[in-house]
Structure formats: structure tokens, C-alpha cells
Amino acid sequence: MMLRTLLLCGTLAAALLAVACQNSPNAAEQPDTAVPGKVEDVPAFDRFISGKPTPEQFRKRYPDVKLVLPGEIATREFRMDRSRYFAELDADGRISGGKFM
């Protein structure tokens, strides 16, 4: 009886993990369609960033948005048009967040 309960729990856990993996955002699974100009669709941009894209994926997706990585020198003038993104990187060098400036 206990073995059957453990087997059932293991199967259920594996199924839940498979569903969670299918629904998690991943930058590599998102379309490679370039979005020209400034960022207009902020929710779509946030979903893209939540997938932790590489700087190369970011530049390919948003070719007209200036990506500023940590350590790069850039002027700090205030832009309200979402045309320049100061990124934060995780330990793997992927974009984990940031802000428009």
C-alpha cells in the first residue's frame, strides 16, 4: 500500500513538473521576429525579459533599442521613449532585469 502511494506521488510530481516546464517563459522559445523602433508593448517586453535572454537575443529582437550592459559607459540623459535599456545580468550573463533610462 505504501509503495503504491509513493509511486502515485512520484508520477504526479513528474506530471506537474512537465506541465510547469511547458508553461515557463523561455527566451529561446519566443519568436525571433524583430520589433523595430522603441518599445511600445511593455507587457510583451517584460515577458521577453522574464525569459532571461542573452544580450545577442535582445539585440536581435529589439535592434533599435540601445542595450547598455553593466560596465559599459553611457551618458545618463533622461529618455522617456523607451529607446535605451540598462540591463542587469545574472551569473550566466543573461539579462535578468533592468530599466529604461
Protein backbone atom coordinates (compact mmCIF):
# COMPACT_ATOMS: atom_id res chain seq x y z
CA MET A 1 0.00 0.00 0.00
CA MET A 2 2.76 2.46 0.91
CA LEU A 3 4.73 1.59 -2.23
CA ARG A 4 1.68 2.29 -4.36
CA THR A 5 1.21 5.68 -2.63
CA LEU A 6 4.86 6.59 -3.23
CA LEU A 7 4.61 5.55 -6.87
CA LEU A 8 1.45 7.61 -7.31
CA CYS A 9 3.07 10.68 -5.68
CA GLY A 10 6.17 10.31 -7.86
CA THR A 11 4.07 10.06 -11.02
CA LEU A 12 2.01 13.08 -10.01
CA ALA A 13 5.15 15.11 -9.24
CA ALA A 14 6.66 14.22 -12.64
CA ALA A 15 3.45 15.24 -14.42
CA LEU A 16 3.32 18.57 -12.58
CA LEU A 17 6.97 19.24 -13.39
CA ALA A 18 6.34 18.52 -17.07
CA VAL A 19 3.40 20.95 -17.13
CA ALA A 20 5.42 23.63 -15.33
CA CYS A 21 8.28 23.30 -17.81
CA GLN A 22 5.91 23.68 -20.75
CA ASN A 23 4.37 26.87 -19.34
CA SER A 24 7.58 28.58 -18.22
CA PRO A 25 8.73 31.50 -20.37
CA ASN A 26 11.93 30.87 -22.23
CA ALA A 27 13.57 33.47 -24.44
CA ALA A 28 14.80 30.76 -26.78
CA GLU A 29 11.22 29.61 -27.47
CA GLN A 30 9.92 33.07 -28.27
CA PRO A 31 9.70 34.15 -31.89
CA ASP A 32 12.79 35.70 -33.40
CA THR A 33 10.73 38.42 -35.03
CA ALA A 34 12.47 41.76 -34.68
CA VAL A 35 10.45 44.55 -33.11
CA PRO A 36 11.57 47.77 -34.82
CA GLY A 37 11.69 51.15 -33.09
CA LYS A 38 11.17 51.90 -29.44
CA VAL A 39 9.45 49.55 -27.02
CA GLU A 40 5.72 50.22 -27.31
CA ASP A 41 4.31 46.94 -25.94
CA VAL A 42 5.71 46.93 -22.40
CA PRO A 43 3.93 43.71 -21.26
CA ALA A 44 5.43 41.81 -24.23
CA PHE A 45 8.84 43.30 -23.44
CA ASP A 46 8.52 42.24 -19.78
CA ARG A 47 7.63 38.69 -20.86
CA PHE A 48 10.67 38.64 -23.14
CA ILE A 49 12.96 39.81 -20.31
CA SER A 50 11.46 37.27 -17.89
CA GLY A 51 12.76 34.55 -20.21
CA LYS A 52 16.31 35.74 -19.41
CA PRO A 53 17.52 36.38 -22.96
CA THR A 54 21.18 36.73 -23.84
CA PRO A 55 22.39 40.16 -24.97
CA GLU A 56 22.53 38.77 -28.52
CA GLN A 57 18.90 37.64 -28.36
CA PHE A 58 17.93 41.07 -27.04
CA ARG A 59 19.73 42.87 -29.87
CA LYS A 60 18.15 40.57 -32.44
CA ARG A 61 14.63 41.06 -31.04
CA TYR A 62 14.92 44.81 -30.34
CA PRO A 63 17.51 46.07 -32.85
CA ASP A 64 16.61 49.76 -32.40
CA VAL A 65 16.79 49.77 -28.59
CA LYS A 66 20.24 50.63 -27.24
CA LEU A 67 21.28 47.89 -24.80
CA VAL A 68 23.66 49.07 -22.10
CA LEU A 69 25.34 46.25 -20.19
CA PRO A 70 26.97 46.55 -16.75
CA GLY A 71 30.38 48.15 -17.04
CA GLU A 72 29.63 49.90 -20.33
CA ILE A 73 29.98 53.66 -20.40
CA ALA A 74 26.87 55.56 -21.44
CA THR A 75 25.51 59.03 -20.96
CA ARG A 76 22.76 59.33 -18.39
CA GLU A 77 20.38 61.74 -20.09
CA PHE A 78 16.77 61.01 -19.34
CA ARG A 79 14.81 59.41 -22.18
CA MET A 80 11.08 58.90 -21.94
CA ASP A 81 10.74 56.96 -25.20
CA ARG A 82 12.00 53.53 -24.02
CA SER A 83 14.81 53.54 -26.56
CA ARG A 84 17.67 52.66 -24.19
CA TYR A 85 17.69 49.77 -21.71
CA PHE A 86 20.20 49.43 -18.87
CA ALA A 87 20.33 45.68 -18.26
CA GLU A 88 21.14 43.65 -15.18
CA LEU A 89 22.85 40.32 -15.82
CA ASP A 90 22.68 37.09 -13.85
CA ALA A 91 25.69 34.84 -13.16
CA ASP A 92 25.28 33.19 -16.58
CA GLY A 93 25.45 36.51 -18.43
CA ARG A 94 21.74 36.55 -19.25
CA ILE A 95 19.54 39.62 -18.85
CA SER A 96 17.59 39.22 -15.63
CA GLY A 97 16.13 42.71 -15.38
CA GLY A 98 16.95 46.35 -15.81
CA LYS A 99 15.33 49.67 -16.57
CA PHE A 100 14.75 52.16 -19.32
CA MET A 101 16.60 55.45 -18.97
